[in-house]
PDB file of N, CA and C in Angstrom:
ATOM      1  N   MET A   1      95.000  58.059  55.453  1.00  0.00           N
ATOM      2  CA  MET A   1      94.561  57.912  56.749  1.00  0.00           C
ATOM      3  C   MET A   1      93.218  58.729  56.874  1.00  0.00           C
ATOM      4  N   GLU A   2      92.362  58.159  57.664  1.00  0.00           N
ATOM      5  CA  GLU A   2      91.061  58.873  57.902  1.00  0.00           C
ATOM      6  C   GLU A   2      91.241  60.129  58.708  1.00  0.00           C
ATOM      7  N   LYS A   3      90.579  61.191  58.202  1.00  0.00           N
ATOM      8  CA  LYS A   3      90.755  62.498  58.742  1.00  0.00           C
ATOM      9  C   LYS A   3      90.471  62.530  60.352  1.00  0.00           C
ATOM     10  N   ARG A   4      89.412  61.871  60.737  1.00  0.00           N
ATOM     11  CA  ARG A   4      89.011  61.802  62.132  1.00  0.00           C
ATOM     12  C   ARG A   4      90.116  61.077  62.968  1.00  0.00           C
ATOM     13  N   ARG A   5      90.662  60.081  62.471  1.00  0.00           N
ATOM     14  CA  ARG A   5      91.718  59.364  63.161  1.00  0.00           C
ATOM     15  C   ARG A   5      92.952  60.214  63.227  1.00  0.00           C
ATOM     16  N   LEU A   6      93.372  60.942  62.226  1.00  0.00           N
ATOM     17  CA  LEU A   6      94.481  61.897  62.238  1.00  0.00           C
ATOM     18  C   LEU A   6      94.243  62.905  63.286  1.00  0.00           C
ATOM     19  N   GLU A   7      93.124  63.558  63.323  1.00  0.00           N
ATOM     20  CA  GLU A   7      92.940  64.613  64.337  1.00  0.00           C
ATOM     21  C   GLU A   7      92.988  64.080  65.753  1.00  0.00           C
ATOM     22  N   GLN A   8      92.595  62.834  65.931  1.00  0.00           N
ATOM     23  CA  GLN A   8      92.641  62.204  67.261  1.00  0.00           C
ATOM     24  C   GLN A   8      94.118  62.031  67.731  1.00  0.00           C
ATOM     25  N   ILE A   9      94.917  61.607  66.736  1.00  0.00           N
ATOM     26  CA  ILE A   9      96.327  61.416  67.073  1.00  0.00           C
ATOM     27  C   ILE A   9      97.026  62.787  67.345  1.00  0.00           C
ATOM     28  N   GLU A  10      96.623  63.726  66.511  1.00  0.00           N
ATOM     29  CA  GLU A  10      97.209  65.126  66.765  1.00  0.00           C
ATOM     30  C   GLU A  10      96.804  65.633  68.103  1.00  0.00           C
ATOM     31  N   ARG A  11      95.614  65.486  68.473  1.00  0.00           N
ATOM     32  CA  ARG A  11      95.186  65.916  69.824  1.00  0.00           C
ATOM     33  C   ARG A  11      95.973  65.194  70.850  1.00  0.00           C
ATOM     34  N   TYR A  12      96.268  63.876  70.741  1.00  0.00           N
ATOM     35  CA  TYR A  12      96.946  63.185  71.598  1.00  0.00           C
ATOM     36  C   TYR A  12      98.424  63.723  71.754  1.00  0.00           C
ATOM     37  N   ILE A  13      98.987  64.104  70.668  1.00  0.00           N
ATOM     38  CA  ILE A  13     100.320  64.652  70.620  1.00  0.00           C
ATOM     39  C   ILE A  13     100.398  65.934  71.424  1.00  0.00           C
ATOM     40  N   PHE A  14      99.494  66.775  71.159  1.00  0.00           N
ATOM     41  CA  PHE A  14      99.364  68.057  71.927  1.00  0.00           C
ATOM     42  C   PHE A  14      99.205  67.788  73.389  1.00  0.00           C
ATOM     43  N   ASP A  15      98.310  66.890  73.728  1.00  0.00           N
ATOM     44  CA  ASP A  15      98.115  66.510  75.145  1.00  0.00           C
ATOM     45  C   ASP A  15      99.347  65.986  75.778  1.00  0.00           C
ATOM     46  N   LEU A  16     100.133  65.210  75.080  1.00  0.00           N
ATOM     47  CA  LEU A  16     101.393  64.700  75.660  1.00  0.00           C
ATOM     48  C   LEU A  16     102.321  65.813  75.930  1.00  0.00           C
ATOM     49  N   PHE A  17     102.519  66.801  74.989  1.00  0.00           N
ATOM     50  CA  PHE A  17     103.300  68.048  75.282  1.00  0.00           C
ATOM     51  C   PHE A  17     102.896  68.705  76.551  1.00  0.00           C
ATOM     52  N   ARG A  18     101.500  68.910  76.670  1.00  0.00           N
ATOM     53  CA  ARG A  18     101.009  69.586  77.804  1.00  0.00           C
ATOM     54  C   ARG A  18     101.322  68.796  79.146  1.00  0.00           C
ATOM     55  N   GLU A  19     101.117  67.417  79.089  1.00  0.00           N
ATOM     56  CA  GLU A  19     101.346  66.536  80.113  1.00  0.00           C
ATOM     57  C   GLU A  19     102.791  66.710  80.602  1.00  0.00           C
ATOM     58  N   ARG A  20     103.693  66.684  79.629  1.00  0.00           N
ATOM     59  CA  ARG A  20     105.141  66.747  79.998  1.00  0.00           C
ATOM     60  C   ARG A  20     105.633  68.071  80.283  1.00  0.00           C
ATOM     61  N   GLY A  21     104.761  69.108  79.931  1.00  0.00           N
ATOM     62  CA  GLY A  21     105.065  70.482  80.370  1.00  0.00           C
ATOM     63  C   GLY A  21     106.232  71.069  79.528  1.00  0.00           C
ATOM     64  N   SER A  22     106.424  70.433  78.389  1.00  0.00           N
ATOM     65  CA  SER A  22     107.657  70.922  77.506  1.00  0.00           C
ATOM     66  C   SER A  22     107.109  71.150  76.099  1.00  0.00           C
ATOM     67  N   SER A  23     107.864  72.053  75.365  1.00  0.00           N
ATOM     68  CA  SER A  23     107.554  72.217  73.908  1.00  0.00           C
ATOM     69  C   SER A  23     108.502  71.449  73.070  1.00  0.00           C
ATOM     70  N   ARG A  24     109.309  70.590  73.713  1.00  0.00           N
ATOM     71  CA  ARG A  24     110.326  69.757  72.933  1.00  0.00           C
ATOM     72  C   ARG A  24     110.344  68.394  73.595  1.00  0.00           C
ATOM     73  N   LEU A  25     110.180  67.339  72.754  1.00  0.00           N
ATOM     74  CA  LEU A  25     110.254  66.023  73.260  1.00  0.00           C
ATOM     75  C   LEU A  25     111.129  65.121  72.281  1.00  0.00           C
ATOM     76  N   LEU A  26     111.767  64.117  72.807  1.00  0.00           N
ATOM     77  CA  LEU A  26     112.351  63.170  71.954  1.00  0.00           C
ATOM     78  C   LEU A  26     111.247  62.389  71.210  1.00  0.00           C
ATOM     79  N   ALA A  27     111.471  62.125  69.930  1.00  0.00           N
ATOM     80  CA  ALA A  27     110.413  61.422  69.252  1.00  0.00           C
ATOM     81  C   ALA A  27     110.165  60.018  69.878  1.00  0.00           C
ATOM     82  N   LYS A  28     111.256  59.407  70.434  1.00  0.00           N
ATOM     83  CA  LYS A  28     111.114  58.057  71.110  1.00  0.00           C
ATOM     84  C   LYS A  28     110.142  58.175  72.228  1.00  0.00           C
ATOM     85  N   GLU A  29     110.185  59.288  72.935  1.00  0.00           N
ATOM     86  CA  GLU A  29     109.284  59.401  74.059  1.00  0.00           C
ATOM     87  C   GLU A  29     107.800  59.422  73.619  1.00  0.00           C
ATOM     88  N   VAL A  30     107.461  60.024  72.434  1.00  0.00           N
ATOM     89  CA  VAL A  30     106.174  59.977  71.863  1.00  0.00           C
ATOM     90  C   VAL A  30     105.815  58.634  71.492  1.00  0.00           C
ATOM     91  N   PHE A  31     106.745  58.008  70.784  1.00  0.00           N
ATOM     92  CA  PHE A  31     106.440  56.519  70.341  1.00  0.00           C
ATOM     93  C   PHE A  31     106.246  55.645  71.473  1.00  0.00           C
ATOM     94  N   ASP A  32     106.961  55.805  72.536  1.00  0.00           N
ATOM     95  CA  ASP A  32     106.884  54.887  73.697  1.00  0.00           C
ATOM     96  C   ASP A  32     105.713  55.284  74.611  1.00  0.00           C
ATOM     97  N   SER A  33     105.086  56.329  74.389  1.00  0.00           N
ATOM     98  CA  SER A  33     104.145  56.804  75.332  1.00  0.00           C
ATOM     99  C   SER A  33     102.738  56.164  75.249  1.00  0.00           C
ATOM    100  N   THR A  34     102.538  55.482  74.159  1.00  0.00           N
ATOM    101  CA  THR A  34     101.166  54.900  73.912  1.00  0.00           C
ATOM    102  C   THR A  34     101.334  53.569  73.082  1.00  0.00           C
ATOM    103  N   GLY A  35     100.366  52.720  73.264  1.00  0.00           N
ATOM    104  CA  GLY A  35     100.200  51.570  72.353  1.00  0.00           C
ATOM    105  C   GLY A  35      98.963  51.731  71.566  1.00  0.00           C
ATOM    106  N   ALA A  36      98.325  52.843  71.765  1.00  0.00           N
ATOM    107  CA  ALA A  36      97.022  53.049  71.046  1.00  0.00           C
ATOM    108  C   ALA A  36      97.121  53.387  69.540  1.00  0.00           C
ATOM    109  N   PHE A  37      98.332  54.039  69.268  1.00  0.00           N
ATOM    110  CA  PHE A  37      98.677  54.335  67.839  1.00  0.00           C
ATOM    111  C   PHE A  37      99.963  53.723  67.461  1.00  0.00           C
ATOM    112  N   SER A  38     100.046  53.388  66.210  1.00  0.00           N
ATOM    113  CA  SER A  38     101.293  52.818  65.654  1.00  0.00           C
ATOM    114  C   SER A  38     102.262  53.953  65.405  1.00  0.00           C
ATOM    115  N   ASN A  39     103.511  53.635  65.374  1.00  0.00           N
ATOM    116  CA  ASN A  39     104.583  54.651  65.081  1.00  0.00           C
ATOM    117  C   ASN A  39     104.286  55.246  63.800  1.00  0.00           C
ATOM    118  N   ALA A  40     103.972  54.489  62.818  1.00  0.00           N
ATOM    119  CA  ALA A  40     103.638  55.058  61.481  1.00  0.00           C
ATOM    120  C   ALA A  40     102.480  56.083  61.441  1.00  0.00           C
ATOM    121  N   ASP A  41     101.477  55.787  62.311  1.00  0.00           N
ATOM    122  CA  ASP A  41     100.450  56.891  62.430  1.00  0.00           C
ATOM    123  C   ASP A  41     100.878  58.102  63.151  1.00  0.00           C
ATOM    124  N   LEU A  42     101.742  57.931  64.073  1.00  0.00           N
ATOM    125  CA  LEU A  42     102.330  59.152  64.855  1.00  0.00           C
ATOM    126  C   LEU A  42     103.167  59.891  63.895  1.00  0.00           C
ATOM    127  N   VAL A  43     103.921  59.193  63.078  1.00  0.00           N
ATOM    128  CA  VAL A  43     104.726  59.963  62.080  1.00  0.00           C
ATOM    129  C   VAL A  43     103.835  60.715  61.084  1.00  0.00           C
ATOM    130  N   ARG A  44     102.675  60.082  60.606  1.00  0.00           N
ATOM    131  CA  ARG A  44     101.810  60.714  59.765  1.00  0.00           C
ATOM    132  C   ARG A  44     101.272  62.060  60.386  1.00  0.00           C
ATOM    133  N   ALA A  45     100.945  61.970  61.683  1.00  0.00           N
ATOM    134  CA  ALA A  45     100.485  63.129  62.381  1.00  0.00           C
ATOM    135  C   ALA A  45     101.560  64.203  62.563  1.00  0.00           C
ATOM    136  N   PHE A  46     102.854  63.714  62.791  1.00  0.00           N
ATOM    137  CA  PHE A  46     103.947  64.754  62.898  1.00  0.00           C
ATOM    138  C   PHE A  46     104.008  65.457  61.515  1.00  0.00           C
ATOM    139  N   GLU A  47     103.976  64.719  60.427  1.00  0.00           N
ATOM    140  CA  GLU A  47     104.090  65.228  59.034  1.00  0.00           C
ATOM    141  C   GLU A  47     103.003  66.232  58.903  1.00  0.00           C
ATOM    142  N   ASP A  48     101.768  65.932  59.211  1.00  0.00           N
ATOM    143  CA  ASP A  48     100.625  66.878  59.003  1.00  0.00           C
ATOM    144  C   ASP A  48     100.794  68.140  59.757  1.00  0.00           C
ATOM    145  N   LEU A  49     101.137  67.937  61.156  1.00  0.00           N
ATOM    146  CA  LEU A  49     101.444  69.153  61.901  1.00  0.00           C
ATOM    147  C   LEU A  49     102.555  69.955  61.549  1.00  0.00           C
ATOM    148  N   GLU A  50     103.509  69.233  60.855  1.00  0.00           N
ATOM    149  CA  GLU A  50     104.700  70.058  60.410  1.00  0.00           C
ATOM    150  C   GLU A  50     104.482  70.715  59.090  1.00  0.00           C
ATOM    151  N   LYS A  51     104.056  70.072  58.075  1.00  0.00           N
ATOM    152  CA  LYS A  51     103.870  70.498  56.656  1.00  0.00           C
ATOM    153  C   LYS A  51     102.567  71.326  56.494  1.00  0.00           C
ATOM    154  N   LYS A  52     101.447  70.955  57.021  1.00  0.00           N
ATOM    155  CA  LYS A  52     100.224  71.549  56.714  1.00  0.00           C
ATOM    156  C   LYS A  52      99.924  72.665  57.772  1.00  0.00           C
ATOM    157  N   TRP A  53     100.161  72.422  59.009  1.00  0.00           N
ATOM    158  CA  TRP A  53      99.789  73.355  60.072  1.00  0.00           C
ATOM    159  C   TRP A  53     100.878  74.221  60.636  1.00  0.00           C
ATOM    160  N   ARG A  54     102.096  73.842  60.281  1.00  0.00           N
ATOM    161  CA  ARG A  54     103.308  74.533  60.840  1.00  0.00           C
ATOM    162  C   ARG A  54     103.372  74.676  62.366  1.00  0.00           C
ATOM    163  N   MET A  55     102.838  73.637  63.017  1.00  0.00           N
ATOM    164  CA  MET A  55     102.820  73.612  64.544  1.00  0.00           C
ATOM    165  C   MET A  55     103.963  72.853  65.178  1.00  0.00           C
ATOM    166  N   LEU A  56     104.704  72.190  64.382  1.00  0.00           N
ATOM    167  CA  LEU A  56     105.687  71.213  64.817  1.00  0.00           C
ATOM    168  C   LEU A  56     106.865  71.130  63.951  1.00  0.00           C
ATOM    169  N   THR A  57     107.992  70.954  64.500  1.00  0.00           N
ATOM    170  CA  THR A  57     109.260  70.847  63.709  1.00  0.00           C
ATOM    171  C   THR A  57     109.911  69.607  64.185  1.00  0.00           C
ATOM    172  N   ARG A  58     110.409  68.695  63.183  1.00  0.00           N
ATOM    173  CA  ARG A  58     111.262  67.519  63.580  1.00  0.00           C
ATOM    174  C   ARG A  58     112.686  67.757  63.129  1.00  0.00           C
ATOM    175  N   TYR A  59     113.627  67.344  63.965  1.00  0.00           N
ATOM    176  CA  TYR A  59     115.066  67.499  63.578  1.00  0.00           C
ATOM    177  C   TYR A  59     115.868  66.370  64.392  1.00  0.00           C
ATOM    178  N   THR A  60     117.092  66.277  63.926  1.00  0.00           N
ATOM    179  CA  THR A  60     117.968  65.365  64.638  1.00  0.00           C
ATOM    180  C   THR A  60     119.160  66.291  65.173  1.00  0.00           C
ATOM    181  N   LYS A  61     119.471  65.974  66.411  1.00  0.00           N
ATOM    182  CA  LYS A  61     120.629  66.643  67.080  1.00  0.00           C
ATOM    183  C   LYS A  61     121.421  65.646  67.796  1.00  0.00           C
ATOM    184  N   GLU A  62     122.704  65.527  67.470  1.00  0.00           N
ATOM    185  CA  GLU A  62     123.633  64.672  68.139  1.00  0.00           C
ATOM    186  C   GLU A  62     123.024  63.227  68.215  1.00  0.00           C
ATOM    187  N   GLY A  63     122.461  62.786  67.145  1.00  0.00           N
ATOM    188  CA  GLY A  63     121.909  61.439  66.966  1.00  0.00           C
ATOM    189  C   GLY A  63     120.656  61.123  67.591  1.00  0.00           C
ATOM    190  N   SER A  64     119.974  62.174  68.219  1.00  0.00           N
ATOM    191  CA  SER A  64     118.662  61.990  68.697  1.00  0.00           C
ATOM    192  C   SER A  64     117.654  62.767  67.852  1.00  0.00           C
ATOM    193  N   ASP A  65     116.442  62.056  67.739  1.00  0.00           N
ATOM    194  CA  ASP A  65     115.341  62.683  66.966  1.00  0.00           C
ATOM    195  C   ASP A  65     114.437  63.369  67.929  1.00  0.00           C
ATOM    196  N   TRP A  66     114.176  64.653  67.598  1.00  0.00           N
ATOM    197  CA  TRP A  66     113.338  65.541  68.412  1.00  0.00           C
ATOM    198  C   TRP A  66     112.050  65.952  67.700  1.00  0.00           C
ATOM    199  N   VAL A  67     111.040  66.240  68.403  1.00  0.00           N
ATOM    200  CA  VAL A  67     109.877  67.065  67.866  1.00  0.00           C
ATOM    201  C   VAL A  67     109.715  68.152  68.729  1.00  0.00           C
ATOM    202  N   THR A  68     109.638  69.297  68.111  1.00  0.00           N
ATOM    203  CA  THR A  68     109.473  70.608  68.888  1.00  0.00           C
ATOM    204  C   THR A  68     108.267  71.393  68.377  1.00  0.00           C
ATOM    205  N   LEU A  69     107.551  71.935  69.224  1.00  0.00           N
ATOM    206  CA  LEU A  69     106.473  72.775  68.847  1.00  0.00           C
ATOM    207  C   LEU A  69     107.008  74.171  68.314  1.00  0.00           C
ATOM    208  N   THR A  70     106.439  74.638  67.249  1.00  0.00           N
ATOM    209  CA  THR A  70     106.837  75.965  66.799  1.00  0.00           C
ATOM    210  C   THR A  70     106.162  76.936  67.768  1.00  0.00           C
ATOM    211  N   PRO A  71     106.450  78.201  67.683  1.00  0.00           N
ATOM    212  CA  PRO A  71     105.787  79.147  68.511  1.00  0.00           C
ATOM    213  C   PRO A  71     104.200  79.063  68.472  1.00  0.00           C
ATOM    214  N   GLU A  72     103.682  78.925  67.238  1.00  0.00           N
ATOM    215  CA  GLU A  72     102.284  78.804  67.110  1.00  0.00           C
ATOM    216  C   GLU A  72     101.698  77.495  67.769  1.00  0.00           C
ATOM    217  N   GLY A  73     102.487  76.393  67.573  1.00  0.00           N
ATOM    218  CA  GLY A  73     102.147  75.126  68.297  1.00  0.00           C
ATOM    219  C   GLY A  73     102.158  75.227  69.790  1.00  0.00           C
ATOM    220  N   ALA A  74     103.241  75.930  70.286  1.00  0.00           N
ATOM    221  CA  ALA A  74     103.329  76.048  71.681  1.00  0.00           C
ATOM    222  C   ALA A  74     102.164  76.955  72.212  1.00  0.00           C
ATOM    223  N   ASP A  75     101.798  77.959  71.487  1.00  0.00           N
ATOM    224  CA  ASP A  75     100.603  78.832  71.905  1.00  0.00           C
ATOM    225  C   ASP A  75      99.392  77.986  71.891  1.00  0.00           C
ATOM    226  N   TYR A  76      99.141  77.161  70.871  1.00  0.00           N
ATOM    227  CA  TYR A  76      97.998  76.292  70.815  1.00  0.00           C
ATOM    228  C   TYR A  76      97.995  75.324  72.032  1.00  0.00           C
ATOM    229  N   ALA A  77      99.152  74.792  72.440  1.00  0.00           N
ATOM    230  CA  ALA A  77      99.174  73.860  73.504  1.00  0.00           C
ATOM    231  C   ALA A  77      99.186  74.551  74.882  1.00  0.00           C
ATOM    232  N   GLY A  78      99.388  75.919  74.870  1.00  0.00           N
ATOM    233  CA  GLY A  78      99.452  76.597  76.137  1.00  0.00           C
ATOM    234  C   GLY A  78     100.802  76.414  76.807  1.00  0.00           C
ATOM    235  N   LEU A  79     101.827  76.381  75.946  1.00  0.00           N
ATOM    236  CA  LEU A  79     103.225  76.223  76.537  1.00  0.00           C
ATOM    237  C   LEU A  79     104.076  77.325  75.983  1.00  0.00           C
ATOM    238  N   ASN A  80     105.158  77.436  76.683  1.00  0.00           N
ATOM    239  CA  ASN A  80     106.281  78.362  76.069  1.00  0.00           C
ATOM    240  C   ASN A  80     107.080  77.641  75.093  1.00  0.00           C
ATOM    241  N   ALA A  81     107.469  78.370  74.008  1.00  0.00           N
ATOM    242  CA  ALA A  81     108.310  77.730  72.967  1.00  0.00           C
ATOM    243  C   ALA A  81     109.782  77.564  73.418  1.00  0.00           C
ATOM    244  N   VAL A  82     110.428  76.586  72.966  1.00  0.00           N
ATOM    245  CA  VAL A  82     111.874  76.410  73.212  1.00  0.00           C
ATOM    246  C   VAL A  82     112.603  77.579  72.628  1.00  0.00           C
ATOM    247  N   SER A  83     113.538  78.097  73.364  1.00  0.00           N
ATOM    248  CA  SER A  83     114.268  79.216  72.960  1.00  0.00           C
ATOM    249  C   SER A  83     115.629  78.909  72.319  1.00  0.00           C
ATOM    250  N   ASP A  84     115.854  77.684  72.028  1.00  0.00           N
ATOM    251  CA  ASP A  84     117.078  77.235  71.397  1.00  0.00           C
ATOM    252  C   ASP A  84     117.300  77.895  69.972  1.00  0.00           C
ATOM    253  N   SER A  85     118.368  78.505  69.742  1.00  0.00           N
ATOM    254  CA  SER A  85     118.570  79.289  68.475  1.00  0.00           C
ATOM    255  C   SER A  85     118.566  78.328  67.217  1.00  0.00           C
ATOM    256  N   HIS A  86     119.039  77.171  67.372  1.00  0.00           N
ATOM    257  CA  HIS A  86     118.962  76.154  66.261  1.00  0.00           C
ATOM    258  C   HIS A  86     117.664  75.781  65.897  1.00  0.00           C
ATOM    259  N   VAL A  87     116.660  75.813  66.797  1.00  0.00           N
ATOM    260  CA  VAL A  87     115.333  75.483  66.395  1.00  0.00           C
ATOM    261  C   VAL A  87     114.621  76.620  65.766  1.00  0.00           C
ATOM    262  N   ALA A  88     114.868  77.785  66.255  1.00  0.00           N
ATOM    263  CA  ALA A  88     114.124  79.052  65.623  1.00  0.00           C
ATOM    264  C   ALA A  88     114.376  79.123  64.195  1.00  0.00           C
ATOM    265  N   PHE A  89     115.402  78.757  63.600  1.00  0.00           N
ATOM    266  CA  PHE A  89     115.708  78.949  62.200  1.00  0.00           C
ATOM    267  C   PHE A  89     115.489  77.771  61.300  1.00  0.00           C
ATOM    268  N   LEU A  90     115.023  76.631  61.799  1.00  0.00           N
ATOM    269  CA  LEU A  90     114.640  75.568  61.024  1.00  0.00           C
ATOM    270  C   LEU A  90     113.583  75.869  60.044  1.00  0.00           C
ATOM    271  N   HIS A  91     113.573  75.303  58.916  1.00  0.00           N
ATOM    272  CA  HIS A  91     112.486  75.407  58.012  1.00  0.00           C
ATOM    273  C   HIS A  91     111.977  74.058  57.586  1.00  0.00           C
ATOM    274  N   PRO A  92     110.785  74.057  57.120  1.00  0.00           N
ATOM    275  CA  PRO A  92     110.218  72.701  56.784  1.00  0.00           C
ATOM    276  C   PRO A  92     110.948  71.944  55.776  1.00  0.00           C
ATOM    277  N   PRO A  93     111.006  70.646  55.882  1.00  0.00           N
ATOM    278  CA  PRO A  93     111.735  69.801  54.895  1.00  0.00           C
ATOM    279  C   PRO A  93     111.086  69.953  53.540  1.00  0.00           C
ATOM    280  N   LYS A  94     112.033  69.857  52.449  1.00  0.00           N
ATOM    281  CA  LYS A  94     111.474  69.801  51.150  1.00  0.00           C
ATOM    282  C   LYS A  94     110.909  68.436  50.900  1.00  0.00           C
ATOM    283  N   SER A  95     109.814  68.471  50.072  1.00  0.00           N
ATOM    284  CA  SER A  95     109.158  67.241  49.826  1.00  0.00           C
ATOM    285  C   SER A  95     110.008  66.335  49.014  1.00  0.00           C
ATOM    286  N   ILE A  96     109.990  65.103  49.210  1.00  0.00           N
ATOM    287  CA  ILE A  96     110.887  64.092  48.445  1.00  0.00           C
ATOM    288  C   ILE A  96     110.154  63.583  47.304  1.00  0.00           C
ATOM    289  N   THR A  97     108.868  64.010  47.067  1.00  0.00           N
ATOM    290  CA  THR A  97     108.162  63.510  45.965  1.00  0.00           C
ATOM    291  C   THR A  97     108.142  64.599  44.770  1.00  0.00           C
TER     292      THR A  97
END
């Protein structure tokens, strides 16, 4: 993916967190929020923010997929981080490659 496009999508994701006033969103909310980006492009941005920048964490809880800003991501977005204990101890996924 082109670097400029990826940066644009990542800015959109942070703007969405700010707009919703939350550091945790259902992944479905992000996918349904725009037609400007494909779900695959949004997932690529999630992966970049998670693995490279450590600003976001993805997880599944009770069958729902969530995206949560890390404390650093929440600071960057100007939001308070989620205080759920199960989120605080998540670590990045191991690469499948």
